[in-house]
Amino acid sequence: MTDTIDLSDVTLSLEEDMVNHPPHYNQSGIECIEAIYHALGEDGYMSYCQGNAMKYLWRYQYKGAPVEDLKKARWYIRQILEVLE
C-alpha cells in the first residue's frame, strides 16, 4: 500500500510509480503520453502504444527488470483498450 495525499482531484503518491507515471515523463504537469495522444490522434496513438508494448515484450528478459517491463507492456495494451472501448 502506498501513502497518498488526496487534494480534491489531485492525488500525490509518495512512492514513485515507474510503470504508470514515471516522473521523468512529466514536465510542468503535462505527461508526455498525453502530448503524444493529441499530436498523433487516436489511430496514431494506438500504433504508438502497440509498438511500445511489442518493444517491452521483446526485451523484458534481457534488461534486468522483467516484471517492470511486462507491466509496462500491459500498460500500453491497456491504453489501446481504453481508446477502443
PDB file of N, CA and C in Angstrom:
ATOM      1  N   MET A   1       0.843  -1.186   0.000  1.00  0.00           N
ATOM      2  CA  MET A   1       0.000   0.000   0.000  1.00  0.00           C
ATOM      3  C   MET A   1       0.881   1.239   0.000  1.00  0.00           C
ATOM      4  N   THR A   2       0.571   2.208  -0.867  1.00  0.00           N
ATOM      5  CA  THR A   2       1.353   3.438  -0.921  1.00  0.00           C
ATOM      6  C   THR A   2       0.671   4.510  -0.091  1.00  0.00           C
ATOM      7  N   ASP A   3       1.461   5.403   0.473  1.00  0.00           N
ATOM      8  CA  ASP A   3       0.911   6.543   1.191  1.00  0.00           C
ATOM      9  C   ASP A   3       0.516   7.598   0.175  1.00  0.00           C
ATOM     10  N   THR A   4      -0.717   8.094   0.267  1.00  0.00           N
ATOM     11  CA  THR A   4      -1.168   9.108  -0.677  1.00  0.00           C
ATOM     12  C   THR A   4      -1.811  10.270   0.062  1.00  0.00           C
ATOM     13  N   ILE A   5      -1.798  11.403  -0.585  1.00  0.00           N
ATOM     14  CA  ILE A   5      -2.450  12.610  -0.086  1.00  0.00           C
ATOM     15  C   ILE A   5      -3.473  13.007  -1.118  1.00  0.00           C
ATOM     16  N   ASP A   6      -4.756  13.090  -0.736  1.00  0.00           N
ATOM     17  CA  ASP A   6      -5.808  13.435  -1.684  1.00  0.00           C
ATOM     18  C   ASP A   6      -6.129  14.913  -1.568  1.00  0.00           C
ATOM     19  N   LEU A   7      -5.930  15.663  -2.651  1.00  0.00           N
ATOM     20  CA  LEU A   7      -6.243  17.080  -2.711  1.00  0.00           C
ATOM     21  C   LEU A   7      -7.278  17.285  -3.800  1.00  0.00           C
ATOM     22  N   SER A   8      -8.535  17.075  -3.494  1.00  0.00           N
ATOM     23  CA  SER A   8      -9.670  17.105  -4.426  1.00  0.00           C
ATOM     24  C   SER A   8      -9.400  16.187  -5.607  1.00  0.00           C
ATOM     25  N   ASP A   9      -9.108  16.715  -6.780  1.00  0.00           N
ATOM     26  CA  ASP A   9      -8.897  15.870  -7.953  1.00  0.00           C
ATOM     27  C   ASP A   9      -7.451  15.410  -8.120  1.00  0.00           C
ATOM     28  N   VAL A  10      -6.555  15.876  -7.283  1.00  0.00           N
ATOM     29  CA  VAL A  10      -5.143  15.559  -7.426  1.00  0.00           C
ATOM     30  C   VAL A  10      -4.727  14.603  -6.322  1.00  0.00           C
ATOM     31  N   THR A  11      -4.141  13.464  -6.698  1.00  0.00           N
ATOM     32  CA  THR A  11      -3.609  12.527  -5.731  1.00  0.00           C
ATOM     33  C   THR A  11      -2.106  12.452  -5.938  1.00  0.00           C
ATOM     34  N   LEU A  12      -1.369  12.806  -4.916  1.00  0.00           N
ATOM     35  CA  LEU A  12       0.086  12.756  -4.969  1.00  0.00           C
ATOM     36  C   LEU A  12       0.550  11.504  -4.258  1.00  0.00           C
ATOM     37  N   SER A  13       1.264  10.662  -4.938  1.00  0.00           N
ATOM     38  CA  SER A  13       1.768   9.446  -4.342  1.00  0.00           C
ATOM     39  C   SER A  13       3.167   9.702  -3.804  1.00  0.00           C
ATOM     40  N   LEU A  14       3.424   9.228  -2.602  1.00  0.00           N
ATOM     41  CA  LEU A  14       4.737   9.410  -2.009  1.00  0.00           C
ATOM     42  C   LEU A  14       5.723   8.356  -2.498  1.00  0.00           C
ATOM     43  N   GLU A  15       5.223   7.402  -3.262  1.00  0.00           N
ATOM     44  CA  GLU A  15       6.075   6.373  -3.840  1.00  0.00           C
ATOM     45  C   GLU A  15       6.056   6.546  -5.347  1.00  0.00           C
ATOM     46  N   GLU A  16       7.222   6.606  -5.986  1.00  0.00           N
ATOM     47  CA  GLU A  16       7.277   6.774  -7.432  1.00  0.00           C
ATOM     48  C   GLU A  16       6.671   5.564  -8.118  1.00  0.00           C
ATOM     49  N   ASP A  17       5.890   5.800  -9.133  1.00  0.00           N
ATOM     50  CA  ASP A  17       5.271   4.743  -9.916  1.00  0.00           C
ATOM     51  C   ASP A  17       5.957   4.728 -11.274  1.00  0.00           C
ATOM     52  N   MET A  18       6.950   3.865 -11.406  1.00  0.00           N
ATOM     53  CA  MET A  18       7.769   3.840 -12.614  1.00  0.00           C
ATOM     54  C   MET A  18       7.070   3.173 -13.797  1.00  0.00           C
ATOM     55  N   VAL A  19       5.888   2.581 -13.580  1.00  0.00           N
ATOM     56  CA  VAL A  19       5.148   1.963 -14.671  1.00  0.00           C
ATOM     57  C   VAL A  19       4.058   2.896 -15.186  1.00  0.00           C
ATOM     58  N   ASN A  20       3.201   3.388 -14.301  1.00  0.00           N
ATOM     59  CA  ASN A  20       2.052   4.176 -14.729  1.00  0.00           C
ATOM     60  C   ASN A  20       2.346   5.663 -14.884  1.00  0.00           C
ATOM     61  N   HIS A  21       3.200   6.205 -14.060  1.00  0.00           N
ATOM     62  CA  HIS A  21       3.502   7.643 -14.110  1.00  0.00           C
ATOM     63  C   HIS A  21       4.963   7.908 -13.757  1.00  0.00           C
ATOM     64  N   PRO A  22       5.893   7.519 -14.624  1.00  0.00           N
ATOM     65  CA  PRO A  22       7.299   7.800 -14.323  1.00  0.00           C
ATOM     66  C   PRO A  22       7.521   9.308 -14.235  1.00  0.00           C
ATOM     67  N   PRO A  23       8.169   9.772 -13.190  1.00  0.00           N
ATOM     68  CA  PRO A  23       8.328  11.216 -13.016  1.00  0.00           C
ATOM     69  C   PRO A  23       9.090  11.893 -14.152  1.00  0.00           C
ATOM     70  N   HIS A  24       9.985  11.169 -14.827  1.00  0.00           N
ATOM     71  CA  HIS A  24      10.756  11.780 -15.907  1.00  0.00           C
ATOM     72  C   HIS A  24       9.930  11.972 -17.184  1.00  0.00           C
ATOM     73  N   TYR A  25       8.686  11.498 -17.211  1.00  0.00           N
ATOM     74  CA  TYR A  25       7.805  11.721 -18.357  1.00  0.00           C
ATOM     75  C   TYR A  25       6.795  12.831 -18.099  1.00  0.00           C
ATOM     76  N   ASN A  26       6.972  13.584 -17.039  1.00  0.00           N
ATOM     77  CA  ASN A  26       6.025  14.633 -16.686  1.00  0.00           C
ATOM     78  C   ASN A  26       6.787  15.935 -16.477  1.00  0.00           C
ATOM     79  N   GLN A  27       6.516  16.889 -17.321  1.00  0.00           N
ATOM     80  CA  GLN A  27       7.142  18.197 -17.188  1.00  0.00           C
ATOM     81  C   GLN A  27       6.045  19.254 -17.131  1.00  0.00           C
ATOM     82  N   SER A  28       6.094  20.096 -16.144  1.00  0.00           N
ATOM     83  CA  SER A  28       5.128  21.193 -15.993  1.00  0.00           C
ATOM     84  C   SER A  28       3.687  20.696 -15.931  1.00  0.00           C
ATOM     85  N   GLY A  29       3.486  19.495 -15.369  1.00  0.00           N
ATOM     86  CA  GLY A  29       2.136  18.969 -15.215  1.00  0.00           C
ATOM     87  C   GLY A  29       1.564  18.315 -16.455  1.00  0.00           C
ATOM     88  N   ILE A  30       2.332  18.210 -17.518  1.00  0.00           N
ATOM     89  CA  ILE A  30       1.863  17.578 -18.750  1.00  0.00           C
ATOM     90  C   ILE A  30       2.655  16.294 -18.955  1.00  0.00           C
ATOM     91  N   GLU A  31       1.948  15.170 -19.030  1.00  0.00           N
ATOM     92  CA  GLU A  31       2.630  13.912 -19.273  1.00  0.00           C
ATOM     93  C   GLU A  31       2.899  13.757 -20.766  1.00  0.00           C
ATOM     94  N   CYS A  32       4.044  13.227 -21.072  1.00  0.00           N
ATOM     95  CA  CYS A  32       4.458  13.020 -22.464  1.00  0.00           C
ATOM     96  C   CYS A  32       3.409  12.217 -23.233  1.00  0.00           C
ATOM     97  N   ILE A  33       2.845  11.187 -22.607  1.00  0.00           N
ATOM     98  CA  ILE A  33       1.871  10.333 -23.282  1.00  0.00           C
ATOM     99  C   ILE A  33       0.638  11.118 -23.714  1.00  0.00           C
ATOM    100  N   GLU A  34       0.237  12.117 -22.934  1.00  0.00           N
ATOM    101  CA  GLU A  34      -0.906  12.956 -23.310  1.00  0.00           C
ATOM    102  C   GLU A  34      -0.577  13.792 -24.547  1.00  0.00           C
ATOM    103  N   ALA A  35       0.627  14.340 -24.581  1.00  0.00           N
ATOM    104  CA  ALA A  35       1.043  15.131 -25.737  1.00  0.00           C
ATOM    105  C   ALA A  35       1.107  14.257 -26.989  1.00  0.00           C
ATOM    106  N   ILE A  36       1.587  13.032 -26.836  1.00  0.00           N
ATOM    107  CA  ILE A  36       1.661  12.104 -27.971  1.00  0.00           C
ATOM    108  C   ILE A  36       0.268  11.799 -28.495  1.00  0.00           C
ATOM    109  N   TYR A  37      -0.687  11.536 -27.589  1.00  0.00           N
ATOM    110  CA  TYR A  37      -2.062  11.258 -27.997  1.00  0.00           C
ATOM    111  C   TYR A  37      -2.622  12.410 -28.832  1.00  0.00           C
ATOM    112  N   HIS A  38      -2.447  13.621 -28.344  1.00  0.00           N
ATOM    113  CA  HIS A  38      -3.012  14.777 -29.040  1.00  0.00           C
ATOM    114  C   HIS A  38      -2.276  15.075 -30.343  1.00  0.00           C
ATOM    115  N   ALA A  39      -0.994  14.780 -30.390  1.00  0.00           N
ATOM    116  CA  ALA A  39      -0.229  15.031 -31.616  1.00  0.00           C
ATOM    117  C   ALA A  39      -0.543  14.006 -32.704  1.00  0.00           C
ATOM    118  N   LEU A  40      -0.774  12.743 -32.307  1.00  0.00           N
ATOM    119  CA  LEU A  40      -0.947  11.673 -33.292  1.00  0.00           C
ATOM    120  C   LEU A  40      -2.396  11.337 -33.603  1.00  0.00           C
ATOM    121  N   GLY A  41      -3.327  11.724 -32.741  1.00  0.00           N
ATOM    122  CA  GLY A  41      -4.716  11.306 -32.907  1.00  0.00           C
ATOM    123  C   GLY A  41      -4.877   9.866 -32.466  1.00  0.00           C
ATOM    124  N   GLU A  42      -6.117   9.376 -32.470  1.00  0.00           N
ATOM    125  CA  GLU A  42      -6.386   8.037 -31.935  1.00  0.00           C
ATOM    126  C   GLU A  42      -5.662   6.922 -32.675  1.00  0.00           C
ATOM    127  N   ASP A  43      -5.707   6.921 -34.003  1.00  0.00           N
ATOM    128  CA  ASP A  43      -5.068   5.835 -34.758  1.00  0.00           C
ATOM    129  C   ASP A  43      -3.559   5.825 -34.563  1.00  0.00           C
ATOM    130  N   GLY A  44      -2.955   6.990 -34.666  1.00  0.00           N
ATOM    131  CA  GLY A  44      -1.507   7.078 -34.472  1.00  0.00           C
ATOM    132  C   GLY A  44      -1.114   6.701 -33.058  1.00  0.00           C
ATOM    133  N   TYR A  45      -1.920   7.117 -32.091  1.00  0.00           N
ATOM    134  CA  TYR A  45      -1.649   6.805 -30.688  1.00  0.00           C
ATOM    135  C   TYR A  45      -1.714   5.298 -30.442  1.00  0.00           C
ATOM    136  N   MET A  46      -2.718   4.637 -31.010  1.00  0.00           N
ATOM    137  CA  MET A  46      -2.820   3.186 -30.819  1.00  0.00           C
ATOM    138  C   MET A  46      -1.626   2.471 -31.458  1.00  0.00           C
ATOM    139  N   SER A  47      -1.181   2.936 -32.612  1.00  0.00           N
ATOM    140  CA  SER A  47       0.009   2.336 -33.240  1.00  0.00           C
ATOM    141  C   SER A  47       1.244   2.562 -32.380  1.00  0.00           C
ATOM    142  N   TYR A  48       1.373   3.753 -31.831  1.00  0.00           N
ATOM    143  CA  TYR A  48       2.484   4.064 -30.935  1.00  0.00           C
ATOM    144  C   TYR A  48       2.471   3.115 -29.733  1.00  0.00           C
ATOM    145  N   CYS A  49       1.304   2.931 -29.129  1.00  0.00           N
ATOM    146  CA  CYS A  49       1.186   2.050 -27.960  1.00  0.00           C
ATOM    147  C   CYS A  49       1.486   0.598 -28.322  1.00  0.00           C
ATOM    148  N   GLN A  50       1.027   0.174 -29.492  1.00  0.00           N
ATOM    149  CA  GLN A  50       1.304  -1.190 -29.949  1.00  0.00           C
ATOM    150  C   GLN A  50       2.811  -1.406 -30.096  1.00  0.00           C
ATOM    151  N   GLY A  51       3.476  -0.452 -30.709  1.00  0.00           N
ATOM    152  CA  GLY A  51       4.929  -0.568 -30.878  1.00  0.00           C
ATOM    153  C   GLY A  51       5.662  -0.615 -29.553  1.00  0.00           C
ATOM    154  N   ASN A  52       5.239   0.200 -28.601  1.00  0.00           N
ATOM    155  CA  ASN A  52       5.892   0.188 -27.296  1.00  0.00           C
ATOM    156  C   ASN A  52       5.621  -1.108 -26.542  1.00  0.00           C
ATOM    157  N   ALA A  53       4.396  -1.630 -26.624  1.00  0.00           N
ATOM    158  CA  ALA A  53       4.096  -2.911 -25.982  1.00  0.00           C
ATOM    159  C   ALA A  53       4.984  -4.005 -26.568  1.00  0.00           C
ATOM    160  N   MET A  54       5.116  -4.007 -27.888  1.00  0.00           N
ATOM    161  CA  MET A  54       5.969  -5.006 -28.545  1.00  0.00           C
ATOM    162  C   MET A  54       7.414  -4.874 -28.088  1.00  0.00           C
ATOM    163  N   LYS A  55       7.878  -3.638 -27.944  1.00  0.00           N
ATOM    164  CA  LYS A  55       9.254  -3.395 -27.517  1.00  0.00           C
ATOM    165  C   LYS A  55       9.501  -3.987 -26.123  1.00  0.00           C
ATOM    166  N   TYR A  56       8.592  -3.718 -25.193  1.00  0.00           N
ATOM    167  CA  TYR A  56       8.768  -4.233 -23.837  1.00  0.00           C
ATOM    168  C   TYR A  56       8.641  -5.747 -23.781  1.00  0.00           C
ATOM    169  N   LEU A  57       7.743  -6.324 -24.583  1.00  0.00           N
ATOM    170  CA  LEU A  57       7.632  -7.778 -24.630  1.00  0.00           C
ATOM    171  C   LEU A  57       8.875  -8.414 -25.252  1.00  0.00           C
ATOM    172  N   TRP A  58       9.432  -7.750 -26.242  1.00  0.00           N
ATOM    173  CA  TRP A  58      10.593  -8.273 -26.960  1.00  0.00           C
ATOM    174  C   TRP A  58      11.815  -8.390 -26.042  1.00  0.00           C
ATOM    175  N   ARG A  59      12.017  -7.406 -25.172  1.00  0.00           N
ATOM    176  CA  ARG A  59      13.281  -7.359 -24.429  1.00  0.00           C
ATOM    177  C   ARG A  59      13.146  -7.536 -22.920  1.00  0.00           C
ATOM    178  N   TYR A  60      11.967  -7.923 -22.409  1.00  0.00           N
ATOM    179  CA  TYR A  60      11.770  -7.996 -20.965  1.00  0.00           C
ATOM    180  C   TYR A  60      12.733  -8.957 -20.273  1.00  0.00           C
ATOM    181  N   GLN A  61      13.217  -9.973 -20.958  1.00  0.00           N
ATOM    182  CA  GLN A  61      14.117 -10.954 -20.354  1.00  0.00           C
ATOM    183  C   GLN A  61      15.569 -10.484 -20.283  1.00  0.00           C
ATOM    184  N   TYR A  62      15.880  -9.376 -20.937  1.00  0.00           N
ATOM    185  CA  TYR A  62      17.276  -9.014 -21.101  1.00  0.00           C
ATOM    186  C   TYR A  62      17.714  -7.754 -20.365  1.00  0.00           C
ATOM    187  N   LYS A  63      16.804  -7.017 -19.771  1.00  0.00           N
ATOM    188  CA  LYS A  63      17.156  -5.729 -19.175  1.00  0.00           C
ATOM    189  C   LYS A  63      17.373  -5.785 -17.670  1.00  0.00           C
ATOM    190  N   GLY A  64      16.999  -6.876 -17.029  1.00  0.00           N
ATOM    191  CA  GLY A  64      17.210  -6.984 -15.589  1.00  0.00           C
ATOM    192  C   GLY A  64      16.011  -6.627 -14.732  1.00  0.00           C
ATOM    193  N   ALA A  65      14.900  -6.212 -15.339  1.00  0.00           N
ATOM    194  CA  ALA A  65      13.682  -5.885 -14.589  1.00  0.00           C
ATOM    195  C   ALA A  65      12.482  -6.451 -15.345  1.00  0.00           C
ATOM    196  N   PRO A  66      12.400  -7.786 -15.463  1.00  0.00           N
ATOM    197  CA  PRO A  66      11.360  -8.371 -16.315  1.00  0.00           C
ATOM    198  C   PRO A  66       9.940  -8.055 -15.866  1.00  0.00           C
ATOM    199  N   VAL A  67       9.680  -8.045 -14.567  1.00  0.00           N
ATOM    200  CA  VAL A  67       8.321  -7.773 -14.096  1.00  0.00           C
ATOM    201  C   VAL A  67       7.920  -6.340 -14.446  1.00  0.00           C
ATOM    202  N   GLU A  68       8.820  -5.393 -14.224  1.00  0.00           N
ATOM    203  CA  GLU A  68       8.514  -4.000 -14.555  1.00  0.00           C
ATOM    204  C   GLU A  68       8.266  -3.832 -16.050  1.00  0.00           C
ATOM    205  N   ASP A  69       9.078  -4.458 -16.873  1.00  0.00           N
ATOM    206  CA  ASP A  69       8.900  -4.334 -18.325  1.00  0.00           C
ATOM    207  C   ASP A  69       7.594  -4.976 -18.790  1.00  0.00           C
ATOM    208  N   LEU A  70       7.200  -6.109 -18.203  1.00  0.00           N
ATOM    209  CA  LEU A  70       5.922  -6.724 -18.564  1.00  0.00           C
ATOM    210  C   LEU A  70       4.753  -5.853 -18.108  1.00  0.00           C
ATOM    211  N   LYS A  71       4.895  -5.192 -16.974  1.00  0.00           N
ATOM    212  CA  LYS A  71       3.854  -4.268 -16.521  1.00  0.00           C
ATOM    213  C   LYS A  71       3.755  -3.076 -17.462  1.00  0.00           C
ATOM    214  N   LYS A  72       4.893  -2.629 -17.975  1.00  0.00           N
ATOM    215  CA  LYS A  72       4.871  -1.523 -18.940  1.00  0.00           C
ATOM    216  C   LYS A  72       4.188  -1.954 -20.235  1.00  0.00           C
ATOM    217  N   ALA A  73       4.453  -3.176 -20.699  1.00  0.00           N
ATOM    218  CA  ALA A  73       3.779  -3.690 -21.893  1.00  0.00           C
ATOM    219  C   ALA A  73       2.275  -3.743 -21.648  1.00  0.00           C
ATOM    220  N   ARG A  74       1.877  -4.226 -20.482  1.00  0.00           N
ATOM    221  CA  ARG A  74       0.452  -4.287 -20.131  1.00  0.00           C
ATOM    222  C   ARG A  74      -0.156  -2.885 -20.115  1.00  0.00           C
ATOM    223  N   TRP A  75       0.595  -1.909 -19.604  1.00  0.00           N
ATOM    224  CA  TRP A  75       0.107  -0.534 -19.543  1.00  0.00           C
ATOM    225  C   TRP A  75      -0.218  -0.017 -20.942  1.00  0.00           C
ATOM    226  N   TYR A  76       0.691  -0.260 -21.884  1.00  0.00           N
ATOM    227  CA  TYR A  76       0.455   0.197 -23.259  1.00  0.00           C
ATOM    228  C   TYR A  76      -0.720  -0.533 -23.908  1.00  0.00           C
ATOM    229  N   ILE A  77      -0.874  -1.814 -23.617  1.00  0.00           N
ATOM    230  CA  ILE A  77      -2.016  -2.561 -24.151  1.00  0.00           C
ATOM    231  C   ILE A  77      -3.313  -2.001 -23.576  1.00  0.00           C
ATOM    232  N   ARG A  78      -3.307  -1.647 -22.312  1.00  0.00           N
ATOM    233  CA  ARG A  78      -4.500  -1.045 -21.700  1.00  0.00           C
ATOM    234  C   ARG A  78      -4.839   0.301 -22.324  1.00  0.00           C
ATOM    235  N   GLN A  79      -3.837   1.050 -22.744  1.00  0.00           N
ATOM    236  CA  GLN A  79      -4.097   2.311 -23.412  1.00  0.00           C
ATOM    237  C   GLN A  79      -4.860   2.086 -24.712  1.00  0.00           C
ATOM    238  N   ILE A  80      -4.469   1.062 -25.444  1.00  0.00           N
ATOM    239  CA  ILE A  80      -5.171   0.731 -26.693  1.00  0.00           C
ATOM    240  C   ILE A  80      -6.615   0.349 -26.373  1.00  0.00           C
ATOM    241  N   LEU A  81      -6.804  -0.468 -25.350  1.00  0.00           N
ATOM    242  CA  LEU A  81      -8.148  -0.883 -24.970  1.00  0.00           C
ATOM    243  C   LEU A  81      -9.017   0.312 -24.569  1.00  0.00           C
ATOM    244  N   GLU A  82      -8.434   1.260 -23.867  1.00  0.00           N
ATOM    245  CA  GLU A  82      -9.198   2.446 -23.473  1.00  0.00           C
ATOM    246  C   GLU A  82      -9.694   3.231 -24.679  1.00  0.00           C
ATOM    247  N   VAL A  83      -8.859   3.339 -25.700  1.00  0.00           N
ATOM    248  CA  VAL A  83      -9.282   4.053 -26.909  1.00  0.00           C
ATOM    249  C   VAL A  83     -10.394   3.265 -27.610  1.00  0.00           C
ATOM    250  N   LEU A  84     -10.253   1.954 -27.682  1.00  0.00           N
ATOM    251  CA  LEU A  84     -11.229   1.128 -28.387  1.00  0.00           C
ATOM    252  C   LEU A  84     -12.566   1.036 -27.652  1.00  0.00           C
ATOM    253  N   GLU A  85     -12.511   1.066 -26.332  1.00  0.00           N
ATOM    254  CA  GLU A  85     -13.754   0.929 -25.552  1.00  0.00           C
ATOM    255  C   GLU A  85     -14.464   2.240 -25.490  1.00  0.00           C
TER     256      GLU A  85
END
